[in-house]
Amino acid sequence: MTGRAGHRRRAGTRLVATAAFGLLAGCGGPRNVLNTASSHCFKALPSARATVQNHGRLVGVRSVLANKLARNLPQAAPLDKRQLCVIAFRGPYAAGEIPRADPPGPGTYAIVAVDKDGATVLASFVVSDLPVRFRHRF
């Protein structure tokens, strides 16, 4: 019986080790999304960084409807009801420092609105307070 019991113990140990390895391998694989509704907006980062001329620290990325953004930032109203990717940077920013920004500043934050495909910058804003929440709570 000790032979069978030892064999079962080794088989059980191998099974547990294999399962643990499989779980760890699955967790450590490369990812291209953050599993959030804003994941597709991360491809807009290069355009947004170019707009702010690499000035400031990234605060966050958010997918939002333009009319929701316009509730707290009236200058976004002309963007109508389209889906936007908005990227926020923390400055400070002087008046006129960000190209085509409306309002032009001065302010603490630069917000860049990019189309949902992340290819075209539609607008930029320099504000003192963020118009939408950019951070996730854990």
Protein backbone atom coordinates (compact mmCIF):
# COMPACT_ATOMS: atom_id res chain seq x y z
CA MET A 1 0.00 0.00 0.00
CA THR A 2 2.85 2.42 0.63
CA GLY A 3 3.85 2.12 -3.00
CA ARG A 4 0.37 3.07 -4.19
CA ALA A 5 -0.01 5.82 -1.57
CA GLY A 6 3.33 7.36 -2.53
CA HIS A 7 2.43 7.18 -6.21
CA ARG A 8 -0.92 8.91 -5.54
CA ARG A 9 0.79 11.62 -3.49
CA ARG A 10 3.32 12.33 -6.28
CA ALA A 11 0.54 12.36 -8.88
CA GLY A 12 -1.48 14.78 -6.73
CA THR A 13 1.57 17.02 -6.26
CA ARG A 14 2.19 17.05 -10.03
CA LEU A 15 -1.46 17.90 -10.68
CA VAL A 16 -1.38 20.83 -8.24
CA ALA A 17 1.94 22.08 -9.66
CA THR A 18 0.65 21.88 -13.23
CA ALA A 19 -2.54 23.76 -12.33
CA ALA A 20 -0.58 26.45 -10.48
CA PHE A 21 1.80 26.86 -13.42
CA GLY A 22 -1.14 27.18 -15.81
CA LEU A 23 -2.74 29.89 -13.68
CA LEU A 24 0.50 31.83 -13.37
CA ALA A 25 1.21 31.58 -17.09
CA GLY A 26 -2.29 32.88 -17.87
CA CYS A 27 -1.83 35.86 -15.54
CA GLY A 28 1.57 36.80 -16.85
CA GLY A 29 0.81 36.86 -20.56
CA PRO A 30 0.94 40.08 -22.57
CA ARG A 31 -2.17 42.23 -22.66
CA ASN A 32 -3.26 44.95 -25.02
CA VAL A 33 -6.34 46.08 -23.09
CA LEU A 34 -7.16 47.06 -19.52
CA ASN A 35 -10.59 45.45 -19.61
CA THR A 36 -12.31 48.82 -19.26
CA ALA A 37 -14.66 50.77 -21.48
CA SER A 38 -11.79 53.20 -22.18
CA SER A 39 -9.22 50.63 -23.33
CA HIS A 40 -9.61 51.50 -27.02
CA CYS A 41 -8.71 55.12 -26.21
CA PHE A 42 -5.13 54.33 -25.28
CA LYS A 43 -4.21 54.40 -28.98
CA ALA A 44 -5.04 58.13 -28.86
CA LEU A 45 -2.15 58.82 -26.46
CA PRO A 46 0.46 59.69 -29.14
CA SER A 47 -1.83 62.32 -30.71
CA ALA A 48 -2.72 63.76 -27.30
CA ARG A 49 0.93 63.89 -26.17
CA ALA A 50 1.86 65.68 -29.39
CA THR A 51 -0.92 68.21 -28.79
CA VAL A 52 0.39 69.08 -25.32
CA GLN A 53 3.95 68.93 -26.69
CA ASN A 54 4.90 66.27 -24.10
CA HIS A 55 4.27 68.82 -21.33
CA GLY A 56 2.60 67.60 -18.15
CA ARG A 57 1.89 64.33 -16.40
CA LEU A 58 -0.78 61.96 -17.71
CA VAL A 59 -3.79 61.96 -15.38
CA GLY A 60 -5.99 59.53 -17.28
CA VAL A 61 -7.83 58.40 -20.37
CA ARG A 62 -11.59 58.24 -20.67
CA SER A 63 -14.19 57.34 -23.26
CA VAL A 64 -17.13 59.74 -22.98
CA LEU A 65 -19.98 61.17 -25.01
CA ALA A 66 -19.34 64.78 -26.02
CA ASN A 67 -22.67 65.97 -24.62
CA LYS A 68 -21.76 64.50 -21.20
CA LEU A 69 -18.41 66.31 -21.32
CA ALA A 70 -20.24 69.53 -22.32
CA ARG A 71 -22.28 69.46 -19.09
CA ASN A 72 -19.20 70.62 -17.19
CA LEU A 73 -17.20 72.00 -20.11
CA PRO A 74 -19.52 74.05 -22.37
CA GLN A 75 -16.79 74.50 -24.99
CA ALA A 76 -17.24 70.80 -25.88
CA ALA A 77 -20.86 71.37 -27.01
CA PRO A 78 -19.97 71.75 -30.74
CA LEU A 79 -18.68 68.16 -30.68
CA ASP A 80 -22.37 67.16 -30.42
CA LYS A 81 -23.20 63.61 -29.28
CA ARG A 82 -20.20 61.76 -30.70
CA GLN A 83 -18.14 59.29 -28.72
CA LEU A 84 -14.80 60.81 -27.71
CA CYS A 85 -11.58 59.70 -26.17
CA VAL A 86 -10.48 62.39 -23.73
CA ILE A 87 -6.97 62.42 -22.31
CA ALA A 88 -6.07 64.62 -19.36
CA PHE A 89 -2.63 65.95 -18.42
CA ARG A 90 -1.66 67.89 -15.29
CA GLY A 91 0.45 70.99 -15.95
CA PRO A 92 0.47 73.91 -15.11
CA TYR A 93 -0.32 75.43 -18.50
CA ALA A 94 0.07 79.09 -19.45
CA ALA A 95 -2.52 80.90 -21.54
CA GLY A 96 -2.05 79.99 -25.20
CA GLU A 97 0.45 77.20 -24.49
CA ILE A 98 -1.77 74.44 -25.91
CA PRO A 99 -2.61 74.91 -29.61
CA ARG A 100 -6.27 75.72 -30.39
CA ALA A 101 -7.30 75.26 -26.74
CA ASP A 102 -10.69 76.70 -25.81
CA PRO A 103 -10.54 77.94 -23.12
CA PRO A 104 -6.88 78.78 -23.77
CA GLY A 105 -5.85 78.86 -20.11
CA PRO A 106 -4.11 79.42 -17.88
CA GLY A 107 -4.99 76.27 -15.99
CA THR A 108 -3.85 73.18 -14.17
CA TYR A 109 -5.10 70.61 -16.68
CA ALA A 110 -4.91 70.17 -20.44
CA ILE A 111 -7.63 67.96 -21.89
CA VAL A 112 -7.38 66.64 -25.42
CA ALA A 113 -10.47 65.26 -27.18
CA VAL A 114 -9.73 62.71 -29.89
CA ASP A 115 -12.17 60.85 -32.15
CA LYS A 116 -13.17 57.34 -30.99
CA ASP A 117 -10.66 55.76 -33.40
CA GLY A 118 -7.83 57.65 -31.74
CA ALA A 119 -6.59 59.20 -34.97
CA THR A 120 -7.84 62.80 -35.08
CA VAL A 121 -7.57 65.48 -32.40
CA LEU A 122 -10.93 67.25 -32.36
CA ALA A 123 -10.42 69.81 -29.60
CA SER A 124 -8.25 70.77 -26.65
CA PHE A 125 -9.07 72.58 -23.44
CA VAL A 126 -7.05 74.13 -20.60
CA VAL A 127 -8.99 74.15 -17.34
CA SER A 128 -8.47 74.47 -13.60
CA ASP A 129 -10.77 71.55 -12.66
CA LEU A 130 -11.38 68.25 -14.45
CA PRO A 131 -14.84 68.11 -16.08
CA VAL A 132 -15.15 64.29 -15.70
CA ARG A 133 -13.57 61.69 -13.43
CA PHE A 134 -10.42 60.12 -14.88
CA ARG A 135 -9.27 57.84 -12.08
CA HIS A 136 -10.63 54.43 -11.18
CA ARG A 137 -11.27 53.57 -7.56
CA PHE A 138 -9.81 50.32 -6.29
